[in-house]
Every structure is written in C-alpha cells, then in structure tokens.
Amino acid sequence: MDNQWSVYIIECRTKDLYIGIAQDVNKRVELHNQGRACRYTKFRRPVQLKYVEVSGSYTDARKRERQIKKYSRFKKLALMEHV
C-alpha cells in the first residue's frame, strides 16, 4: 500500500533515541546515516533501526509519534523489547 506510514525508533551512536515517521523506513534510516534526514541525527551518526510500528495513515502515524515521544526512556526501551 503506497499510502502506508510507519513510526520508527532509531538509536544514535550516542545512545539517544530518535522517533520519526516515514513511508519507507529503510530509506529514511539510510538518509539518517548519510546525514541528510534531520539535524538531530546528523551529528549522532551512525544510527540503528530499533523499532517499527505500522500506523497506516499519515495522521495516525503522526499521532502515535507524538504519543511515543512523550514516553520516558524506560517506556521507550520496553516498547522496543516487545518486537
């Protein structure tokens, strides 16, 4: 499905967690590792994909992204372990 969006969590070299959304998560992670995705991860490369959750629509993915960003680090790590 072309319009399917996913929420993802990547772990930076600095052990920081970054949460984002994308239609093609693997391509987005590649862009993060090239320093072309966002300023936050540009100086924290390399990054590793740790979690993906298919959300369907852009709106659903954005809502879920905001929800996960409010989680504590502990809760984010627990979410990543349930994969």
Foldseek 3Di string as FASTA:
>chain_A
DQQKKKWWWKAFQVRDIDIDMDSDVVVLLVCLQVLNNDPVSNVRDDIGTQDMDTQGHPVRRVVVSVVLVPDDPVVNVVVSVVD
